[in-house]
C-alpha atoms as a PDB file:
ATOM      1  CA  UNK A   1     170.528-112.736  23.649  1.00  0.00           C
ATOM      2  CA  UNK A   2     173.607-114.187  25.117  1.00  0.00           C
ATOM      3  CA  UNK A   3     172.669-112.688  28.437  1.00  0.00           C
ATOM      4  CA  UNK A   4     169.552-114.904  28.685  1.00  0.00           C
ATOM      5  CA  UNK A   5     170.959-117.960  27.002  1.00  0.00           C
ATOM      6  CA  UNK A   6     173.908-118.451  29.398  1.00  0.00           C
ATOM      7  CA  UNK A   7     171.746-118.836  32.636  1.00  0.00           C
ATOM      8  CA  UNK A   8     169.211-121.185  30.953  1.00  0.00           C
ATOM      9  CA  UNK A   9     172.124-123.361  29.600  1.00  0.00           C
ATOM     10  CA  UNK A  10     173.940-123.364  32.920  1.00  0.00           C
ATOM     11  CA  UNK A  11     170.635-124.357  34.566  1.00  0.00           C
ATOM     12  CA  UNK A  12     170.120-127.349  32.249  1.00  0.00           C
ATOM     13  CA  UNK A  13     173.841-128.478  32.332  1.00  0.00           C
ATOM     14  CA  UNK A  14     174.008-131.798  34.034  1.00  0.00           C
ATOM     15  CA  UNK A  15     177.162-134.030  34.509  1.00  0.00           C
ATOM     16  CA  UNK A  16     177.286-137.186  32.710  1.00  0.00           C
ATOM     17  CA  UNK A  17     175.585-139.941  34.816  1.00  0.00           C
ATOM     18  CA  UNK A  18     175.087-143.568  34.286  1.00  0.00           C
ATOM     19  CA  UNK A  19     172.044-144.850  32.375  1.00  0.00           C
ATOM     20  CA  UNK A  20     170.302-145.908  35.606  1.00  0.00           C
ATOM     21  CA  UNK A  21     170.825-142.435  37.123  1.00  0.00           C
ATOM     22  CA  UNK A  22     169.696-140.749  33.987  1.00  0.00           C
ATOM     23  CA  UNK A  23     166.560-143.129  33.900  1.00  0.00           C
ATOM     24  CA  UNK A  24     165.741-142.263  37.488  1.00  0.00           C
ATOM     25  CA  UNK A  25     166.130-138.602  37.056  1.00  0.00           C
ATOM     26  CA  UNK A  26     163.999-138.372  33.765  1.00  0.00           C
ATOM     27  CA  UNK A  27     161.216-140.503  35.336  1.00  0.00           C
ATOM     28  CA  UNK A  28     161.244-137.966  38.138  1.00  0.00           C
ATOM     29  CA  UNK A  29     161.304-135.071  35.651  1.00  0.00           C
ATOM     30  CA  UNK A  30     158.310-136.459  33.775  1.00  0.00           C
ATOM     31  CA  UNK A  31     156.388-137.108  36.867  1.00  0.00           C
ATOM     32  CA  UNK A  32     157.187-133.603  38.020  1.00  0.00           C
ATOM     33  CA  UNK A  33     155.988-132.101  34.865  1.00  0.00           C
ATOM     34  CA  UNK A  34     152.764-134.398  34.917  1.00  0.00           C
ATOM     35  CA  UNK A  35     151.940-132.717  38.228  1.00  0.00           C
ATOM     36  CA  UNK A  36     152.907-129.188  37.071  1.00  0.00           C
ATOM     37  CA  UNK A  37     150.649-129.814  33.891  1.00  0.00           C
ATOM     38  CA  UNK A  38     147.591-130.819  36.096  1.00  0.00           C
ATOM     39  CA  UNK A  39     148.220-127.672  38.241  1.00  0.00           C
ATOM     40  CA  UNK A  40     148.329-125.467  35.160  1.00  0.00           C
ATOM     41  CA  UNK A  41     145.293-126.893  33.405  1.00  0.00           C
ATOM     42  CA  UNK A  42     143.260-126.705  36.600  1.00  0.00           C
ATOM     43  CA  UNK A  43     144.373-123.087  37.358  1.00  0.00           C
ATOM     44  CA  UNK A  44     143.628-122.081  33.791  1.00  0.00           C
ATOM     45  CA  UNK A  45     140.269-123.655  34.065  1.00  0.00           C
ATOM     46  CA  UNK A  46     139.524-121.955  37.286  1.00  0.00           C
ATOM     47  CA  UNK A  47     140.358-118.467  35.848  1.00  0.00           C
ATOM     48  CA  UNK A  48     138.737-119.130  32.664  1.00  0.00           C
ATOM     49  CA  UNK A  49     135.395-120.348  34.154  1.00  0.00           C
ATOM     50  CA  UNK A  50     135.484-118.174  37.191  1.00  0.00           C
ATOM     51  CA  UNK A  51     136.270-114.778  35.455  1.00  0.00           C
ATOM     52  CA  UNK A  52     135.847-115.034  31.683  1.00  0.00           C
ATOM     53  CA  UNK A  53     133.097-117.423  30.755  1.00  0.00           C
ATOM     54  CA  UNK A  54     129.568-117.124  32.016  1.00  0.00           C
ATOM     55  CA  UNK A  55     126.958-119.158  30.338  1.00  0.00           C
ATOM     56  CA  UNK A  56     124.295-121.810  31.029  1.00  0.00           C
ATOM     57  CA  UNK A  57     126.636-124.748  29.956  1.00  0.00           C
ATOM     58  CA  UNK A  58     129.438-124.500  32.620  1.00  0.00           C
ATOM     59  CA  UNK A  59     129.413-128.114  33.535  1.00  0.00           C
ATOM     60  CA  UNK A  60     130.109-129.318  30.028  1.00  0.00           C
ATOM     61  CA  UNK A  61     132.564-126.451  29.559  1.00  0.00           C
ATOM     62  CA  UNK A  62     134.545-127.406  32.808  1.00  0.00           C
ATOM     63  CA  UNK A  63     134.585-130.999  31.638  1.00  0.00           C
ATOM     64  CA  UNK A  64     135.936-130.212  28.154  1.00  0.00           C
ATOM     65  CA  UNK A  65     138.370-127.616  29.289  1.00  0.00           C
ATOM     66  CA  UNK A  66     139.739-129.474  32.337  1.00  0.00           C
ATOM     67  CA  UNK A  67     139.184-133.098  32.138  1.00  0.00           C
ATOM     68  CA  UNK A  68     140.002-133.710  28.297  1.00  0.00           C
ATOM     69  CA  UNK A  69     143.370-131.907  28.697  1.00  0.00           C
ATOM     70  CA  UNK A  70     144.326-133.725  31.867  1.00  0.00           C
ATOM     71  CA  UNK A  71     143.566-137.038  30.178  1.00  0.00           C
ATOM     72  CA  UNK A  72     145.645-136.089  27.309  1.00  0.00           C
ATOM     73  CA  UNK A  73     148.592-134.973  29.354  1.00  0.00           C
ATOM     74  CA  UNK A  74     148.362-138.143  31.546  1.00  0.00           C
ATOM     75  CA  UNK A  75     148.192-140.417  28.392  1.00  0.00           C
ATOM     76  CA  UNK A  76     151.311-138.451  26.991  1.00  0.00           C
ATOM     77  CA  UNK A  77     153.124-139.001  30.160  1.00  0.00           C
ATOM     78  CA  UNK A  78     152.713-142.791  29.858  1.00  0.00           C
ATOM     79  CA  UNK A  79     153.992-142.540  26.266  1.00  0.00           C
ATOM     80  CA  UNK A  80     156.972-140.558  27.504  1.00  0.00           C
ATOM     81  CA  UNK A  81     158.082-143.104  30.098  1.00  0.00           C
ATOM     82  CA  UNK A  82     159.010-145.368  27.041  1.00  0.00           C
ATOM     83  CA  UNK A  83     161.296-142.721  25.863  1.00  0.00           C
ATOM     84  CA  UNK A  84     163.492-143.062  29.002  1.00  0.00           C
ATOM     85  CA  UNK A  85     164.310-146.637  28.078  1.00  0.00           C
ATOM     86  CA  UNK A  86     166.018-145.314  24.848  1.00  0.00           C
ATOM     87  CA  UNK A  87     169.549-143.870  24.739  1.00  0.00           C
ATOM     88  CA  UNK A  88     170.016-140.238  25.310  1.00  0.00           C
ATOM     89  CA  UNK A  89     170.571-139.494  21.494  1.00  0.00           C
ATOM     90  CA  UNK A  90     167.388-141.555  20.407  1.00  0.00           C
ATOM     91  CA  UNK A  91     165.368-139.682  23.005  1.00  0.00           C
ATOM     92  CA  UNK A  92     166.626-136.350  21.767  1.00  0.00           C
ATOM     93  CA  UNK A  93     165.897-137.311  18.301  1.00  0.00           C
ATOM     94  CA  UNK A  94     162.336-138.348  19.209  1.00  0.00           C
ATOM     95  CA  UNK A  95     161.755-135.054  21.154  1.00  0.00           C
ATOM     96  CA  UNK A  96     163.109-132.881  18.242  1.00  0.00           C
ATOM     97  CA  UNK A  97     160.848-134.729  15.803  1.00  0.00           C
ATOM     98  CA  UNK A  98     157.707-134.192  18.183  1.00  0.00           C
ATOM     99  CA  UNK A  99     158.524-130.506  18.484  1.00  0.00           C
ATOM    100  CA  UNK A 100     158.341-130.255  14.672  1.00  0.00           C
ATOM    101  CA  UNK A 101     155.168-132.463  14.478  1.00  0.00           C
ATOM    102  CA  UNK A 102     153.404-130.378  17.120  1.00  0.00           C
ATOM    103  CA  UNK A 103     154.115-127.131  15.316  1.00  0.00           C
ATOM    104  CA  UNK A 104     152.487-128.632  12.326  1.00  0.00           C
ATOM    105  CA  UNK A 105     149.398-129.103  14.329  1.00  0.00           C
ATOM    106  CA  UNK A 106     149.714-125.412  15.340  1.00  0.00           C
ATOM    107  CA  UNK A 107     149.652-124.417  11.676  1.00  0.00           C
ATOM    108  CA  UNK A 108     146.234-126.040  11.345  1.00  0.00           C
ATOM    109  CA  UNK A 109     144.826-124.363  14.259  1.00  0.00           C
ATOM    110  CA  UNK A 110     143.966-120.956  12.778  1.00  0.00           C
ATOM    111  CA  UNK A 111     142.241-122.688   9.779  1.00  0.00           C
ATOM    112  CA  UNK A 112     140.016-124.690  12.003  1.00  0.00           C
ATOM    113  CA  UNK A 113     139.220-121.863  14.359  1.00  0.00           C
ATOM    114  CA  UNK A 114     138.375-119.311  11.881  1.00  0.00           C
ATOM    115  CA  UNK A 115     136.348-121.778   9.814  1.00  0.00           C
ATOM    116  CA  UNK A 116     134.382-122.458  13.193  1.00  0.00           C
ATOM    117  CA  UNK A 117     134.087-118.728  13.581  1.00  0.00           C
ATOM    118  CA  UNK A 118     132.594-118.340  10.038  1.00  0.00           C
ATOM    119  CA  UNK A 119     130.185-121.123  10.582  1.00  0.00           C
ATOM    120  CA  UNK A 120     128.941-119.702  14.044  1.00  0.00           C
ATOM    121  CA  UNK A 121     128.636-116.085  12.614  1.00  0.00           C
ATOM    122  CA  UNK A 122     126.419-117.356   9.843  1.00  0.00           C
ATOM    123  CA  UNK A 123     123.972-118.993  12.305  1.00  0.00           C
ATOM    124  CA  UNK A 124     120.594-117.359  12.565  1.00  0.00           C
ATOM    125  CA  UNK A 125     120.884-116.697  16.240  1.00  0.00           C
ATOM    126  CA  UNK A 126     123.892-114.363  16.656  1.00  0.00           C
ATOM    127  CA  UNK A 127     124.146-114.994  20.446  1.00  0.00           C
ATOM    128  CA  UNK A 128     126.066-118.222  19.849  1.00  0.00           C
ATOM    129  CA  UNK A 129     129.091-116.237  18.684  1.00  0.00           C
ATOM    130  CA  UNK A 130     129.146-114.266  21.982  1.00  0.00           C
ATOM    131  CA  UNK A 131     128.962-117.569  23.727  1.00  0.00           C
ATOM    132  CA  UNK A 132     131.874-119.255  21.896  1.00  0.00           C
ATOM    133  CA  UNK A 133     134.062-116.231  21.349  1.00  0.00           C
ATOM    134  CA  UNK A 134     136.041-116.492  24.553  1.00  0.00           C
ATOM    135  CA  UNK A 135     136.729-120.289  23.683  1.00  0.00           C
ATOM    136  CA  UNK A 136     137.807-119.290  20.302  1.00  0.00           C
ATOM    137  CA  UNK A 137     140.247-116.582  21.616  1.00  0.00           C
ATOM    138  CA  UNK A 138     141.728-118.958  24.249  1.00  0.00           C
ATOM    139  CA  UNK A 139     142.036-121.735  21.600  1.00  0.00           C
ATOM    140  CA  UNK A 140     144.070-119.385  19.345  1.00  0.00           C
ATOM    141  CA  UNK A 141     146.351-118.511  22.265  1.00  0.00           C
ATOM    142  CA  UNK A 142     147.018-122.119  23.312  1.00  0.00           C
ATOM    143  CA  UNK A 143     146.806-123.757  19.909  1.00  0.00           C
ATOM    144  CA  UNK A 144     148.654-121.208  17.732  1.00  0.00           C
ATOM    145  CA  UNK A 145     150.608-118.593  19.650  1.00  0.00           C
ATOM    146  CA  UNK A 146     151.956-120.737  22.667  1.00  0.00           C
ATOM    147  CA  UNK A 147     153.550-123.365  20.215  1.00  0.00           C
ATOM    148  CA  UNK A 148     155.277-120.828  18.128  1.00  0.00           C
ATOM    149  CA  UNK A 149     156.537-118.878  21.274  1.00  0.00           C
ATOM    150  CA  UNK A 150     157.789-122.195  22.804  1.00  0.00           C
ATOM    151  CA  UNK A 151     159.538-123.063  19.515  1.00  0.00           C
ATOM    152  CA  UNK A 152     161.001-119.603  19.328  1.00  0.00           C
ATOM    153  CA  UNK A 153     162.475-119.979  22.755  1.00  0.00           C
ATOM    154  CA  UNK A 154     163.992-123.351  22.134  1.00  0.00           C
ATOM    155  CA  UNK A 155     167.631-122.165  22.395  1.00  0.00           C
ATOM    156  CA  UNK A 156     169.447-125.363  22.563  1.00  0.00           C
ATOM    157  CA  UNK A 157     167.989-128.258  20.779  1.00  0.00           C
ATOM    158  CA  UNK A 158     170.929-130.482  21.630  1.00  0.00           C
ATOM    159  CA  UNK A 159     170.277-130.481  25.412  1.00  0.00           C
ATOM    160  CA  UNK A 160     167.949-133.322  26.389  1.00  0.00           C
ATOM    161  CA  UNK A 161     166.720-131.651  29.577  1.00  0.00           C
ATOM    162  CA  UNK A 162     165.927-128.427  27.694  1.00  0.00           C
ATOM    163  CA  UNK A 163     163.965-130.379  25.091  1.00  0.00           C
ATOM    164  CA  UNK A 164     161.984-132.157  27.673  1.00  0.00           C
ATOM    165  CA  UNK A 165     160.889-128.892  29.204  1.00  0.00           C
ATOM    166  CA  UNK A 166     160.048-127.594  25.709  1.00  0.00           C
ATOM    167  CA  UNK A 167     158.136-130.683  24.802  1.00  0.00           C
ATOM    168  CA  UNK A 168     156.151-130.529  28.141  1.00  0.00           C
ATOM    169  CA  UNK A 169     155.215-126.919  27.596  1.00  0.00           C
ATOM    170  CA  UNK A 170     154.132-127.778  23.985  1.00  0.00           C
ATOM    171  CA  UNK A 171     152.091-130.761  25.204  1.00  0.00           C
ATOM    172  CA  UNK A 172     150.274-128.663  27.779  1.00  0.00           C
ATOM    173  CA  UNK A 173     149.545-126.050  25.222  1.00  0.00           C
ATOM    174  CA  UNK A 174     148.262-128.481  22.456  1.00  0.00           C
ATOM    175  CA  UNK A 175     146.180-130.543  25.126  1.00  0.00           C
ATOM    176  CA  UNK A 176     144.513-127.392  26.308  1.00  0.00           C
ATOM    177  CA  UNK A 177     143.805-126.315  22.748  1.00  0.00           C
ATOM    178  CA  UNK A 178     142.041-129.672  22.010  1.00  0.00           C
ATOM    179  CA  UNK A 179     140.019-129.272  25.341  1.00  0.00           C
ATOM    180  CA  UNK A 180     138.936-125.724  24.157  1.00  0.00           C
ATOM    181  CA  UNK A 181     138.019-127.036  20.665  1.00  0.00           C
ATOM    182  CA  UNK A 182     135.835-129.775  22.358  1.00  0.00           C
ATOM    183  CA  UNK A 183     134.282-127.237  24.499  1.00  0.00           C
ATOM    184  CA  UNK A 184     133.507-124.962  21.520  1.00  0.00           C
ATOM    185  CA  UNK A 185     131.687-127.885  19.797  1.00  0.00           C
ATOM    186  CA  UNK A 186     129.923-129.103  22.921  1.00  0.00           C
ATOM    187  CA  UNK A 187     128.739-125.557  24.082  1.00  0.00           C
ATOM    188  CA  UNK A 188     127.580-124.739  20.698  1.00  0.00           C
ATOM    189  CA  UNK A 189     125.626-128.002  20.219  1.00  0.00           C
ATOM    190  CA  UNK A 190     124.074-127.624  23.762  1.00  0.00           C
ATOM    191  CA  UNK A 191     123.140-124.017  22.821  1.00  0.00           C
ATOM    192  CA  UNK A 192     121.483-125.143  19.582  1.00  0.00           C
ATOM    193  CA  UNK A 193     119.726-127.985  21.407  1.00  0.00           C
ATOM    194  CA  UNK A 194     118.496-125.469  23.848  1.00  0.00           C
ATOM    195  CA  UNK A 195     116.944-123.290  21.094  1.00  0.00           C
ATOM    196  CA  UNK A 196     115.088-126.154  19.587  1.00  0.00           C
END
């Protein structure tokens, strides 16, 4: 394990800088991660809708799977800009607390998704489960598996730069999960509406 930890820790080592330089660097980091987040969300949506999901409700699905996570990530970006005003220790404590809170959300994901799966499997028209199944699987990946993988890879919780990266990855994952959850509900609602 040390073989993998050392290069990662070396990558995140920074020399001590003044508060102004740290502030500018972290604003730049958060801005960079915002753009990367948008790219990841759009790329996932393109692959998901281009190759995995084929149904009559593509516009609603694209809005839910793309726009909602982008709005959530952007909102979170503006919240993070307030962290930069804090001292390094305060910011690190906030990031550690958020990582724990986001894992608590991830623990609820299986309950919500399997509950939805049971509801959809008991519906008279069984085609609805075929329509929402790809959304359910993707939501499990982004809402449950990814947060625990990110948490498991959190090697150095005392390094502010590493915690920023872990927090951003967790934020993308949870935002994508909520977008998929909205898509499940909207697509199911539109499908039921189409039947009646």
